[in-house]
Amino acid sequence: MLNTMKVIITGAASGIGKEITQQCLREGASVIACDMNKHSLNELEAELKSPSLYTYLIDISNYTEVTHFFTYIKEEHTDITALVNNAGVYRGKSILDYRMEEIEQVLDINIKGCVYFSQFFGKFMVEKKHQGIIVNMSSVSGMEGSSDAIYGLSKAAILGFTKSCAMNFSPYVRVNAVAPTMVSTPMMDHIPEWRKEEYTNHQLIPEPLNAEDVAYTVLFLLSERSRHYTGATFDINNGCYLR
């Protein structure tokens, strides 16, 4: 399904990002896996053992590092076709308990990282007049609010940014967002129990949402089957929040 694609994935070494990486490779795509955890990147390489996998150690919130990364892309991967802005941080804290440096870290990674990568990728595709795809990882928290207000803020920003990029990068780059609810990853351990119970009690499909379920939606958005979608947000919430 993705045989001709080369995809940049941020936060690729664990959780949802790792699952997206695996599924992209399985479908025939090449992947440039970006992460700030060197050990996790090394483990990813060792586990997948794919000649189509390239890894890159980077702090996506550091503009200088992002600049160097896209210089590497222009020199080594001019056939790049897609970007998945997946990297994110969730602390599971009340806004009353956040320290200044924690606020900055969440906003830097969740918003600035997405903005920097989208800007460089979009500019590259528009200047070359190449067709490309961006998929942004938002969250139900961006629509419904979150017990972690800073995280909710960051994910709401991604929804507006997705629509704006769809306008700015048209007609060369399609830009869509995915907004999952609680996903069975280590990040879920930080969600308050009352929030988990609220979700469980209201979902219409009584099945846990796994990383692979989110990855399936991302792969659809990377494929030609989604060629008429841009500026859209895809809810994955088992019918818990009806819109």
C-alpha atoms as a PDB file:
ATOM      1  CA  MET A   1       0.000   0.000   0.000  1.00  0.00           C
ATOM      2  CA  LEU A   2       2.933   2.373   0.707  1.00  0.00           C
ATOM      3  CA  ASN A   3       5.560   0.901  -1.608  1.00  0.00           C
ATOM      4  CA  THR A   4       6.729   4.206  -3.101  1.00  0.00           C
ATOM      5  CA  MET A   5       6.753   6.189   0.125  1.00  0.00           C
ATOM      6  CA  LYS A   6       9.496   7.458   2.400  1.00  0.00           C
ATOM      7  CA  VAL A   7       8.121   8.665   5.729  1.00  0.00           C
ATOM      8  CA  ILE A   8       9.596  10.765   8.539  1.00  0.00           C
ATOM      9  CA  ILE A   9       8.156   9.728  11.917  1.00  0.00           C
ATOM     10  CA  THR A  10       8.891  11.628  15.132  1.00  0.00           C
ATOM     11  CA  GLY A  11       8.734   9.888  18.489  1.00  0.00           C
ATOM     12  CA  ALA A  12       9.270   6.717  16.494  1.00  0.00           C
ATOM     13  CA  ALA A  13      11.084   4.537  19.009  1.00  0.00           C
ATOM     14  CA  SER A  14       8.244   3.742  21.405  1.00  0.00           C
ATOM     15  CA  GLY A  15       4.481   3.588  21.863  1.00  0.00           C
ATOM     16  CA  ILE A  16       2.281   4.677  18.971  1.00  0.00           C
ATOM     17  CA  GLY A  17       5.274   5.937  16.985  1.00  0.00           C
ATOM     18  CA  LYS A  18       6.938   2.539  17.096  1.00  0.00           C
ATOM     19  CA  GLU A  19       3.757   0.854  15.904  1.00  0.00           C
ATOM     20  CA  ILE A  20       3.405   3.338  13.032  1.00  0.00           C
ATOM     21  CA  THR A  21       7.035   2.667  12.100  1.00  0.00           C
ATOM     22  CA  GLN A  22       6.492  -1.098  12.074  1.00  0.00           C
ATOM     23  CA  GLN A  23       3.323  -0.903  10.016  1.00  0.00           C
ATOM     24  CA  CYS A  24       4.849   1.495   7.481  1.00  0.00           C
ATOM     25  CA  LEU A  25       7.777  -0.868   6.967  1.00  0.00           C
ATOM     26  CA  ARG A  26       5.394  -3.815   6.705  1.00  0.00           C
ATOM     27  CA  GLU A  27       3.471  -1.999   3.964  1.00  0.00           C
ATOM     28  CA  GLY A  28       6.634  -1.371   1.951  1.00  0.00           C
ATOM     29  CA  ALA A  29       7.544   2.181   2.936  1.00  0.00           C
ATOM     30  CA  SER A  30      10.964   3.425   3.961  1.00  0.00           C
ATOM     31  CA  VAL A  31      11.037   5.151   7.344  1.00  0.00           C
ATOM     32  CA  ILE A  32      13.265   7.806   8.873  1.00  0.00           C
ATOM     33  CA  ALA A  33      12.657   7.238  12.569  1.00  0.00           C
ATOM     34  CA  CYS A  34      13.357  10.287  14.739  1.00  0.00           C
ATOM     35  CA  ASP A  35      13.616  10.167  18.511  1.00  0.00           C
ATOM     36  CA  MET A  36      15.521  11.830  21.343  1.00  0.00           C
ATOM     37  CA  ASN A  37      16.169   8.533  23.148  1.00  0.00           C
ATOM     38  CA  LYS A  38      19.342   6.966  21.745  1.00  0.00           C
ATOM     39  CA  HIS A  39      18.879   3.677  23.601  1.00  0.00           C
ATOM     40  CA  SER A  40      15.336   3.258  22.273  1.00  0.00           C
ATOM     41  CA  LEU A  41      16.470   4.034  18.722  1.00  0.00           C
ATOM     42  CA  ASN A  42      19.209   1.416  18.982  1.00  0.00           C
ATOM     43  CA  GLU A  43      16.673  -1.114  20.258  1.00  0.00           C
ATOM     44  CA  LEU A  44      14.332  -0.251  17.388  1.00  0.00           C
ATOM     45  CA  GLU A  45      17.076  -0.904  14.839  1.00  0.00           C
ATOM     46  CA  ALA A  46      18.067  -4.164  16.498  1.00  0.00           C
ATOM     47  CA  GLU A  47      14.483  -5.388  16.701  1.00  0.00           C
ATOM     48  CA  LEU A  48      13.290  -4.474  13.204  1.00  0.00           C
ATOM     49  CA  LYS A  49      16.515  -5.171  11.273  1.00  0.00           C
ATOM     50  CA  SER A  50      15.163  -3.484   8.152  1.00  0.00           C
ATOM     51  CA  PRO A  51      17.279  -1.998   5.339  1.00  0.00           C
ATOM     52  CA  SER A  52      14.409   0.452   4.808  1.00  0.00           C
ATOM     53  CA  LEU A  53      14.754   1.890   8.320  1.00  0.00           C
ATOM     54  CA  TYR A  54      16.922   4.939   8.991  1.00  0.00           C
ATOM     55  CA  THR A  55      17.261   6.361  12.497  1.00  0.00           C
ATOM     56  CA  TYR A  56      18.065   9.900  13.569  1.00  0.00           C
ATOM     57  CA  LEU A  57      18.722  11.129  17.108  1.00  0.00           C
ATOM     58  CA  ILE A  58      17.135  14.555  17.561  1.00  0.00           C
ATOM     59  CA  ASP A  59      15.458  16.910  19.999  1.00  0.00           C
ATOM     60  CA  ILE A  60      12.568  18.095  17.836  1.00  0.00           C
ATOM     61  CA  SER A  61      12.076  21.209  19.979  1.00  0.00           C
ATOM     62  CA  ASN A  62      15.592  22.442  19.142  1.00  0.00           C
ATOM     63  CA  TYR A  63      15.386  24.586  16.008  1.00  0.00           C
ATOM     64  CA  THR A  64      19.089  24.219  15.221  1.00  0.00           C
ATOM     65  CA  GLU A  65      18.872  20.423  15.368  1.00  0.00           C
ATOM     66  CA  VAL A  66      15.778  20.457  13.159  1.00  0.00           C
ATOM     67  CA  THR A  67      17.611  22.669  10.654  1.00  0.00           C
ATOM     68  CA  HIS A  68      20.497  20.181  10.521  1.00  0.00           C
ATOM     69  CA  PHE A  69      18.059  17.294  10.157  1.00  0.00           C
ATOM     70  CA  PHE A  70      16.391  18.789   7.103  1.00  0.00           C
ATOM     71  CA  THR A  71      19.788  19.555   5.573  1.00  0.00           C
ATOM     72  CA  TYR A  72      20.410  15.812   5.920  1.00  0.00           C
ATOM     73  CA  ILE A  73      17.024  15.124   4.303  1.00  0.00           C
ATOM     74  CA  LYS A  74      17.806  17.396   1.350  1.00  0.00           C
ATOM     75  CA  GLU A  75      21.173  15.686   0.855  1.00  0.00           C
ATOM     76  CA  GLU A  76      20.298  12.045   1.505  1.00  0.00           C
ATOM     77  CA  HIS A  77      16.525  11.629   1.145  1.00  0.00           C
ATOM     78  CA  THR A  78      15.254  13.917  -1.602  1.00  0.00           C
ATOM     79  CA  ASP A  79      12.523  11.367  -2.336  1.00  0.00           C
ATOM     80  CA  ILE A  80      10.794  12.004   1.002  1.00  0.00           C
ATOM     81  CA  THR A  81       7.003  11.881   0.691  1.00  0.00           C
ATOM     82  CA  ALA A  82       5.407  12.092   4.136  1.00  0.00           C
ATOM     83  CA  LEU A  83       5.751  13.306   7.703  1.00  0.00           C
ATOM     84  CA  VAL A  84       4.079  11.932  10.826  1.00  0.00           C
ATOM     85  CA  ASN A  85       4.316  14.391  13.725  1.00  0.00           C
ATOM     86  CA  ASN A  86       3.833  11.864  16.496  1.00  0.00           C
ATOM     87  CA  ALA A  87       6.243  12.880  19.280  1.00  0.00           C
ATOM     88  CA  GLY A  88       4.607  14.155  22.432  1.00  0.00           C
ATOM     89  CA  VAL A  89       4.896  14.498  26.199  1.00  0.00           C
ATOM     90  CA  TYR A  90       2.133  13.913  28.761  1.00  0.00           C
ATOM     91  CA  ARG A  91       2.754  14.557  32.449  1.00  0.00           C
ATOM     92  CA  GLY A  92      -0.706  13.859  33.857  1.00  0.00           C
ATOM     93  CA  LYS A  93      -0.517  16.796  36.260  1.00  0.00           C
ATOM     94  CA  SER A  94      -2.941  19.474  37.365  1.00  0.00           C
ATOM     95  CA  ILE A  95      -2.072  22.929  36.077  1.00  0.00           C
ATOM     96  CA  LEU A  96      -1.865  23.924  39.752  1.00  0.00           C
ATOM     97  CA  ASP A  97       1.172  21.671  40.157  1.00  0.00           C
ATOM     98  CA  TYR A  98       3.125  22.474  36.987  1.00  0.00           C
ATOM     99  CA  ARG A  99       6.535  24.098  37.290  1.00  0.00           C
ATOM    100  CA  MET A 100       7.610  26.654  34.703  1.00  0.00           C
ATOM    101  CA  GLU A 101      10.203  24.361  33.115  1.00  0.00           C
ATOM    102  CA  GLU A 102       7.618  21.569  32.811  1.00  0.00           C
ATOM    103  CA  ILE A 103       5.192  23.872  31.000  1.00  0.00           C
ATOM    104  CA  GLU A 104       7.944  24.880  28.599  1.00  0.00           C
ATOM    105  CA  GLN A 105       8.963  21.279  27.942  1.00  0.00           C
ATOM    106  CA  VAL A 106       5.436  20.121  27.092  1.00  0.00           C
ATOM    107  CA  LEU A 107       4.729  23.086  24.825  1.00  0.00           C
ATOM    108  CA  ASP A 108       8.174  22.923  23.202  1.00  0.00           C
ATOM    109  CA  ILE A 109       7.880  19.253  22.258  1.00  0.00           C
ATOM    110  CA  ASN A 110       4.154  19.001  21.578  1.00  0.00           C
ATOM    111  CA  ILE A 111       3.749  22.274  19.674  1.00  0.00           C
ATOM    112  CA  LYS A 112       7.104  23.692  18.579  1.00  0.00           C
ATOM    113  CA  GLY A 113       8.407  20.326  17.401  1.00  0.00           C
ATOM    114  CA  CYS A 114       5.340  19.847  15.221  1.00  0.00           C
ATOM    115  CA  VAL A 115       5.572  23.410  13.903  1.00  0.00           C
ATOM    116  CA  TYR A 116       9.283  23.172  13.066  1.00  0.00           C
ATOM    117  CA  PHE A 117       9.010  19.844  11.246  1.00  0.00           C
ATOM    118  CA  SER A 118       5.883  20.911   9.359  1.00  0.00           C
ATOM    119  CA  GLN A 119       7.459  24.196   8.299  1.00  0.00           C
ATOM    120  CA  PHE A 120      10.612  22.595   6.902  1.00  0.00           C
ATOM    121  CA  PHE A 121       8.779  19.675   5.306  1.00  0.00           C
ATOM    122  CA  GLY A 122       6.065  21.875   3.808  1.00  0.00           C
ATOM    123  CA  LYS A 123       8.592  24.336   2.409  1.00  0.00           C
ATOM    124  CA  PHE A 124      10.607  21.521   0.850  1.00  0.00           C
ATOM    125  CA  MET A 125       7.559  20.004  -0.860  1.00  0.00           C
ATOM    126  CA  VAL A 126       6.088  23.315  -2.036  1.00  0.00           C
ATOM    127  CA  GLU A 127       9.407  24.545  -3.461  1.00  0.00           C
ATOM    128  CA  LYS A 128       9.912  21.247  -5.299  1.00  0.00           C
ATOM    129  CA  LYS A 129       6.211  21.147  -6.267  1.00  0.00           C
ATOM    130  CA  HIS A 130       6.086  17.580  -4.979  1.00  0.00           C
ATOM    131  CA  GLN A 131       3.013  15.890  -3.571  1.00  0.00           C
ATOM    132  CA  GLY A 132       3.322  15.140   0.134  1.00  0.00           C
ATOM    133  CA  ILE A 133       1.378  14.182   3.241  1.00  0.00           C
ATOM    134  CA  ILE A 134       1.496  15.295   6.871  1.00  0.00           C
ATOM    135  CA  VAL A 135      -0.298  13.464   9.674  1.00  0.00           C
ATOM    136  CA  ASN A 136      -0.352  15.191  13.067  1.00  0.00           C
ATOM    137  CA  MET A 137      -0.987  13.349  16.315  1.00  0.00           C
ATOM    138  CA  SER A 138      -3.488  15.289  18.401  1.00  0.00           C
ATOM    139  CA  SER A 139      -5.756  13.869  21.110  1.00  0.00           C
ATOM    140  CA  VAL A 140      -9.325  13.829  22.328  1.00  0.00           C
ATOM    141  CA  SER A 141      -7.930  16.153  25.014  1.00  0.00           C
ATOM    142  CA  GLY A 142      -7.690  18.859  22.371  1.00  0.00           C
ATOM    143  CA  MET A 143     -11.452  18.670  21.857  1.00  0.00           C
ATOM    144  CA  GLU A 144     -12.875  17.757  25.250  1.00  0.00           C
ATOM    145  CA  GLY A 145     -10.338  19.311  27.594  1.00  0.00           C
ATOM    146  CA  SER A 146      -7.958  17.441  29.835  1.00  0.00           C
ATOM    147  CA  SER A 147      -7.209  17.016  33.519  1.00  0.00           C
ATOM    148  CA  ASP A 148      -3.709  17.980  32.351  1.00  0.00           C
ATOM    149  CA  ALA A 149      -4.485  21.470  31.055  1.00  0.00           C
ATOM    150  CA  ILE A 150      -1.069  22.051  29.483  1.00  0.00           C
ATOM    151  CA  TYR A 151      -1.289  18.825  27.503  1.00  0.00           C
ATOM    152  CA  GLY A 152      -4.856  19.679  26.464  1.00  0.00           C
ATOM    153  CA  LEU A 153      -3.689  23.108  25.336  1.00  0.00           C
ATOM    154  CA  SER A 154      -0.931  21.611  23.216  1.00  0.00           C
ATOM    155  CA  LYS A 155      -3.232  19.123  21.516  1.00  0.00           C
ATOM    156  CA  ALA A 156      -5.903  21.753  20.818  1.00  0.00           C
ATOM    157  CA  ALA A 157      -3.206  23.862  19.171  1.00  0.00           C
ATOM    158  CA  ILE A 158      -2.344  20.965  16.868  1.00  0.00           C
ATOM    159  CA  LEU A 159      -5.944  20.810  15.597  1.00  0.00           C
ATOM    160  CA  GLY A 160      -5.925  24.460  14.544  1.00  0.00           C
ATOM    161  CA  PHE A 161      -2.415  24.150  13.148  1.00  0.00           C
ATOM    162  CA  THR A 162      -3.498  21.188  11.010  1.00  0.00           C
ATOM    163  CA  LYS A 163      -6.228  23.221   9.309  1.00  0.00           C
ATOM    164  CA  SER A 164      -3.935  26.188   8.758  1.00  0.00           C
ATOM    165  CA  CYS A 165      -1.179  24.047   7.237  1.00  0.00           C
ATOM    166  CA  ALA A 166      -3.710  22.367   4.942  1.00  0.00           C
ATOM    167  CA  MET A 167      -4.500  25.840   3.594  1.00  0.00           C
ATOM    168  CA  ASN A 168      -0.897  27.035   3.417  1.00  0.00           C
ATOM    169  CA  PHE A 169       0.591  23.941   1.776  1.00  0.00           C
ATOM    170  CA  SER A 170      -2.199  23.393  -0.762  1.00  0.00           C
ATOM    171  CA  PRO A 171      -2.231  21.990  -3.411  1.00  0.00           C
ATOM    172  CA  TYR A 172       1.004  20.106  -2.755  1.00  0.00           C
ATOM    173  CA  VAL A 173       0.653  18.727   0.770  1.00  0.00           C
ATOM    174  CA  ARG A 174      -2.383  17.132   2.393  1.00  0.00           C
ATOM    175  CA  VAL A 175      -2.463  17.699   6.152  1.00  0.00           C
ATOM    176  CA  ASN A 176      -4.702  15.783   8.557  1.00  0.00           C
ATOM    177  CA  ALA A 177      -4.802  15.009  12.266  1.00  0.00           C
ATOM    178  CA  VAL A 178      -5.590  11.950  14.339  1.00  0.00           C
ATOM    179  CA  ALA A 179      -7.217  12.442  17.752  1.00  0.00           C
ATOM    180  CA  PRO A 180      -7.249   9.221  19.774  1.00  0.00           C
ATOM    181  CA  THR A 181      -8.568   8.833  23.274  1.00  0.00           C
ATOM    182  CA  MET A 182      -6.787   6.675  25.870  1.00  0.00           C
ATOM    183  CA  VAL A 183      -4.414   4.261  24.171  1.00  0.00           C
ATOM    184  CA  SER A 184      -2.847   1.238  25.856  1.00  0.00           C
ATOM    185  CA  THR A 185       0.723   2.561  26.032  1.00  0.00           C
ATOM    186  CA  PRO A 186       2.965   3.470  29.001  1.00  0.00           C
ATOM    187  CA  MET A 187       1.640   7.047  28.749  1.00  0.00           C
ATOM    188  CA  MET A 188      -1.763   5.769  29.898  1.00  0.00           C
ATOM    189  CA  ASP A 189      -0.309   5.041  33.341  1.00  0.00           C
ATOM    190  CA  HIS A 190      -0.274   8.797  34.038  1.00  0.00           C
ATOM    191  CA  ILE A 191      -3.996   9.315  33.343  1.00  0.00           C
ATOM    192  CA  PRO A 192      -6.073   9.807  36.530  1.00  0.00           C
ATOM    193  CA  GLU A 193      -8.315   6.892  37.451  1.00  0.00           C
ATOM    194  CA  TRP A 194     -11.476   9.016  37.373  1.00  0.00           C
ATOM    195  CA  ARG A 195     -10.731   9.953  33.763  1.00  0.00           C
ATOM    196  CA  LYS A 196     -10.224   6.308  32.819  1.00  0.00           C
ATOM    197  CA  GLU A 197     -13.528   5.376  34.466  1.00  0.00           C
ATOM    198  CA  GLU A 198     -15.360   8.203  32.700  1.00  0.00           C
ATOM    199  CA  TYR A 199     -14.140   6.965  29.367  1.00  0.00           C
ATOM    200  CA  THR A 200     -14.860   3.301  30.079  1.00  0.00           C
ATOM    201  CA  ASN A 201     -18.397   4.085  31.232  1.00  0.00           C
ATOM    202  CA  HIS A 202     -19.283   6.132  28.150  1.00  0.00           C
ATOM    203  CA  GLN A 203     -17.645   4.273  25.271  1.00  0.00           C
ATOM    204  CA  LEU A 204     -20.044   2.605  22.831  1.00  0.00           C
ATOM    205  CA  ILE A 205     -17.514   0.009  21.700  1.00  0.00           C
ATOM    206  CA  PRO A 206     -16.281  -1.772  24.841  1.00  0.00           C
ATOM    207  CA  GLU A 207     -12.791  -2.578  23.608  1.00  0.00           C
ATOM    208  CA  PRO A 208      -9.470  -1.051  24.632  1.00  0.00           C
ATOM    209  CA  LEU A 209      -7.775   1.147  22.052  1.00  0.00           C
ATOM    210  CA  ASN A 210      -4.298  -0.095  21.157  1.00  0.00           C
ATOM    211  CA  ALA A 211      -1.361   1.552  19.420  1.00  0.00           C
ATOM    212  CA  GLU A 212      -1.957  -0.589  16.341  1.00  0.00           C
ATOM    213  CA  ASP A 213      -5.519   0.766  16.053  1.00  0.00           C
ATOM    214  CA  VAL A 214      -4.178   4.312  15.876  1.00  0.00           C
ATOM    215  CA  ALA A 215      -1.490   3.235  13.409  1.00  0.00           C
ATOM    216  CA  TYR A 216      -4.142   1.781  11.082  1.00  0.00           C
ATOM    217  CA  THR A 217      -5.747   5.220  10.813  1.00  0.00           C
ATOM    218  CA  VAL A 218      -2.391   6.889  10.208  1.00  0.00           C
ATOM    219  CA  LEU A 219      -1.600   4.418   7.430  1.00  0.00           C
ATOM    220  CA  PHE A 220      -4.941   5.169   5.791  1.00  0.00           C
ATOM    221  CA  LEU A 221      -4.090   8.880   5.837  1.00  0.00           C
ATOM    222  CA  LEU A 222      -0.681   8.150   4.312  1.00  0.00           C
ATOM    223  CA  SER A 223      -2.244   6.162   1.491  1.00  0.00           C
ATOM    224  CA  GLU A 224      -3.872   7.191  -1.784  1.00  0.00           C
ATOM    225  CA  ARG A 225      -7.187   6.031  -0.352  1.00  0.00           C
ATOM    226  CA  SER A 226      -7.331   9.269   1.640  1.00  0.00           C
ATOM    227  CA  ARG A 227      -6.489  11.524  -1.313  1.00  0.00           C
ATOM    228  CA  HIS A 228      -9.657  13.617  -0.883  1.00  0.00           C
ATOM    229  CA  TYR A 229      -9.005  14.419   2.795  1.00  0.00           C
ATOM    230  CA  THR A 230      -7.128  17.471   4.025  1.00  0.00           C
ATOM    231  CA  GLY A 231      -7.558  19.727   7.035  1.00  0.00           C
ATOM    232  CA  ALA A 232      -9.569  16.985   8.733  1.00  0.00           C
ATOM    233  CA  THR A 233      -9.365  15.406  12.173  1.00  0.00           C
ATOM    234  CA  PHE A 234     -10.004  11.706  12.636  1.00  0.00           C
ATOM    235  CA  ASP A 235     -11.535  10.864  16.010  1.00  0.00           C
ATOM    236  CA  ILE A 236     -10.660   7.467  17.484  1.00  0.00           C
ATOM    237  CA  ASN A 237     -12.633   7.153  20.697  1.00  0.00           C
ATOM    238  CA  ASN A 238     -14.925   4.092  20.577  1.00  0.00           C
ATOM    239  CA  GLY A 239     -17.925   6.425  20.359  1.00  0.00           C
ATOM    240  CA  CYS A 240     -17.238   7.900  23.790  1.00  0.00           C
ATOM    241  CA  TYR A 241     -17.506  11.449  22.450  1.00  0.00           C
ATOM    242  CA  LEU A 242     -20.111  11.869  19.718  1.00  0.00           C
ATOM    243  CA  ARG A 243     -19.798  14.896  17.425  1.00  0.00           C
END
